[in-house]
């Protein structure tokens, strides 16, 4: 998600069905209590996730 991949792109890259990816993304958004991907990404980055290693 943080790489701006669509659900279809994530599905192909991970070898999962599109429905599975949609379900996982939906679960992530619900657990983080955010309304969209950009909010989830912002929250994750604020928590120190997804930052480049030095």
N, C-alpha and C. Protein backbone atom coordinates (compact mmCIF):
# COMPACT_ATOMS: atom_id res chain seq x y z
N UNK A 1 0.82 -1.19 0.00
CA UNK A 1 0.00 0.00 0.00
C UNK A 1 0.86 1.25 0.00
N UNK A 2 1.93 1.24 0.79
CA UNK A 2 2.77 2.43 0.89
C UNK A 2 3.51 2.71 -0.42
N UNK A 3 3.61 1.71 -1.28
CA UNK A 3 4.27 1.90 -2.57
C UNK A 3 3.30 2.37 -3.64
N UNK A 4 2.10 2.75 -3.23
CA UNK A 4 1.05 3.23 -4.13
C UNK A 4 0.61 2.19 -5.15
N UNK A 5 0.69 0.91 -4.78
CA UNK A 5 0.21 -0.15 -5.66
C UNK A 5 -1.29 -0.29 -5.50
N UNK A 6 -1.96 -0.60 -6.59
CA UNK A 6 -3.39 -0.85 -6.54
C UNK A 6 -3.62 -2.25 -5.97
N UNK A 7 -4.86 -2.53 -5.62
CA UNK A 7 -5.19 -3.88 -5.13
C UNK A 7 -4.83 -4.93 -6.18
N UNK A 8 -5.10 -4.63 -7.45
CA UNK A 8 -4.79 -5.58 -8.53
C UNK A 8 -3.28 -5.83 -8.63
N UNK A 9 -2.50 -4.77 -8.48
CA UNK A 9 -1.03 -4.92 -8.55
C UNK A 9 -0.52 -5.72 -7.36
N UNK A 10 -1.05 -5.45 -6.18
CA UNK A 10 -0.66 -6.21 -4.98
C UNK A 10 -1.04 -7.67 -5.16
N UNK A 11 -2.22 -7.91 -5.70
CA UNK A 11 -2.70 -9.27 -5.94
C UNK A 11 -1.74 -10.05 -6.83
N UNK A 12 -1.35 -9.44 -7.95
CA UNK A 12 -0.41 -10.10 -8.87
C UNK A 12 0.95 -10.33 -8.23
N UNK A 13 1.44 -9.31 -7.53
CA UNK A 13 2.78 -9.38 -6.94
C UNK A 13 2.86 -10.47 -5.86
N UNK A 14 1.78 -10.63 -5.07
CA UNK A 14 1.79 -11.59 -3.97
C UNK A 14 1.17 -12.93 -4.32
N UNK A 15 0.58 -13.02 -5.51
CA UNK A 15 -0.05 -14.26 -5.91
C UNK A 15 -1.33 -14.57 -5.13
N UNK A 16 -2.06 -13.53 -4.77
CA UNK A 16 -3.32 -13.68 -4.04
C UNK A 16 -4.46 -13.26 -4.94
N UNK A 17 -5.67 -13.68 -4.60
CA UNK A 17 -6.81 -13.22 -5.38
C UNK A 17 -7.08 -11.76 -5.03
N UNK A 18 -7.73 -11.08 -5.95
CA UNK A 18 -8.08 -9.68 -5.74
C UNK A 18 -8.99 -9.54 -4.53
N UNK A 19 -9.92 -10.48 -4.37
CA UNK A 19 -10.83 -10.43 -3.21
C UNK A 19 -10.06 -10.53 -1.89
N UNK A 20 -9.05 -11.40 -1.84
CA UNK A 20 -8.24 -11.54 -0.63
C UNK A 20 -7.53 -10.23 -0.30
N UNK A 21 -6.95 -9.61 -1.30
CA UNK A 21 -6.25 -8.33 -1.08
C UNK A 21 -7.23 -7.27 -0.60
N UNK A 22 -8.40 -7.20 -1.24
CA UNK A 22 -9.42 -6.22 -0.80
C UNK A 22 -9.80 -6.44 0.65
N UNK A 23 -9.98 -7.71 1.02
CA UNK A 23 -10.34 -8.03 2.41
C UNK A 23 -9.24 -7.60 3.38
N UNK A 24 -8.00 -7.88 3.03
CA UNK A 24 -6.88 -7.52 3.91
C UNK A 24 -6.76 -6.00 4.04
N UNK A 25 -6.87 -5.29 2.93
CA UNK A 25 -6.79 -3.82 2.98
C UNK A 25 -7.92 -3.27 3.84
N UNK A 26 -9.12 -3.79 3.65
CA UNK A 26 -10.27 -3.35 4.45
C UNK A 26 -10.04 -3.62 5.94
N UNK A 27 -9.51 -4.79 6.26
CA UNK A 27 -9.22 -5.12 7.66
C UNK A 27 -8.18 -4.19 8.25
N UNK A 28 -7.15 -3.87 7.48
CA UNK A 28 -6.11 -2.94 7.94
C UNK A 28 -6.72 -1.58 8.25
N UNK A 29 -7.53 -1.06 7.33
CA UNK A 29 -8.15 0.25 7.53
C UNK A 29 -9.05 0.24 8.75
N UNK A 30 -9.83 -0.83 8.93
CA UNK A 30 -10.71 -0.93 10.09
C UNK A 30 -9.93 -0.98 11.40
N UNK A 31 -8.89 -1.78 11.44
CA UNK A 31 -8.10 -1.92 12.67
C UNK A 31 -7.39 -0.63 13.04
N UNK A 32 -6.95 0.12 12.01
CA UNK A 32 -6.29 1.40 12.28
C UNK A 32 -7.28 2.53 12.49
N UNK A 33 -8.55 2.25 12.26
CA UNK A 33 -9.63 3.24 12.40
C UNK A 33 -9.37 4.45 11.51
N UNK A 34 -9.05 4.18 10.25
CA UNK A 34 -8.85 5.24 9.26
C UNK A 34 -9.81 4.98 8.10
N UNK A 35 -10.02 6.01 7.27
CA UNK A 35 -11.00 5.87 6.18
C UNK A 35 -10.39 5.55 4.83
N UNK A 36 -9.08 5.77 4.67
CA UNK A 36 -8.48 5.46 3.38
C UNK A 36 -7.00 5.10 3.52
N UNK A 37 -6.42 4.68 2.40
CA UNK A 37 -5.03 4.22 2.37
C UNK A 37 -4.05 5.32 2.80
N UNK A 38 -4.31 6.54 2.35
CA UNK A 38 -3.36 7.62 2.66
C UNK A 38 -3.28 7.86 4.17
N UNK A 39 -4.41 7.77 4.85
CA UNK A 39 -4.40 7.91 6.31
C UNK A 39 -3.64 6.76 6.96
N UNK A 40 -3.83 5.56 6.45
CA UNK A 40 -3.14 4.38 7.00
C UNK A 40 -1.64 4.52 6.81
N UNK A 41 -1.22 4.99 5.64
CA UNK A 41 0.20 5.17 5.36
C UNK A 41 0.79 6.24 6.27
N UNK A 42 0.08 7.34 6.43
CA UNK A 42 0.54 8.42 7.30
C UNK A 42 0.70 7.92 8.74
N UNK A 43 -0.28 7.19 9.22
CA UNK A 43 -0.24 6.65 10.57
C UNK A 43 0.94 5.70 10.75
N UNK A 44 1.17 4.84 9.77
CA UNK A 44 2.29 3.89 9.83
C UNK A 44 3.62 4.62 9.83
N UNK A 45 3.75 5.64 9.00
CA UNK A 45 5.01 6.40 8.95
C UNK A 45 5.26 7.16 10.24
N UNK A 46 4.19 7.69 10.82
CA UNK A 46 4.33 8.39 12.11
C UNK A 46 4.78 7.42 13.20
N UNK A 47 4.44 6.15 13.05
CA UNK A 47 4.83 5.11 14.02
C UNK A 47 6.23 4.56 13.71
N UNK A 48 6.89 5.11 12.65
CA UNK A 48 8.24 4.69 12.33
C UNK A 48 8.31 3.52 11.36
N UNK A 49 7.19 3.14 10.78
CA UNK A 49 7.19 2.04 9.81
C UNK A 49 7.39 2.58 8.40
N UNK A 50 8.04 1.81 7.58
CA UNK A 50 8.19 2.17 6.18
C UNK A 50 9.20 3.24 5.90
N UNK A 51 9.99 3.58 6.89
CA UNK A 51 11.00 4.60 6.68
C UNK A 51 12.26 3.94 6.14
N UNK A 52 12.98 4.63 5.25
CA UNK A 52 14.22 4.06 4.71
C UNK A 52 15.26 3.83 5.79
N UNK A 53 15.98 2.75 5.64
CA UNK A 53 17.07 2.44 6.60
C UNK A 53 18.32 3.18 6.21
N UNK A 54 19.07 3.60 7.21
CA UNK A 54 20.33 4.30 6.92
C UNK A 54 21.49 3.40 7.15
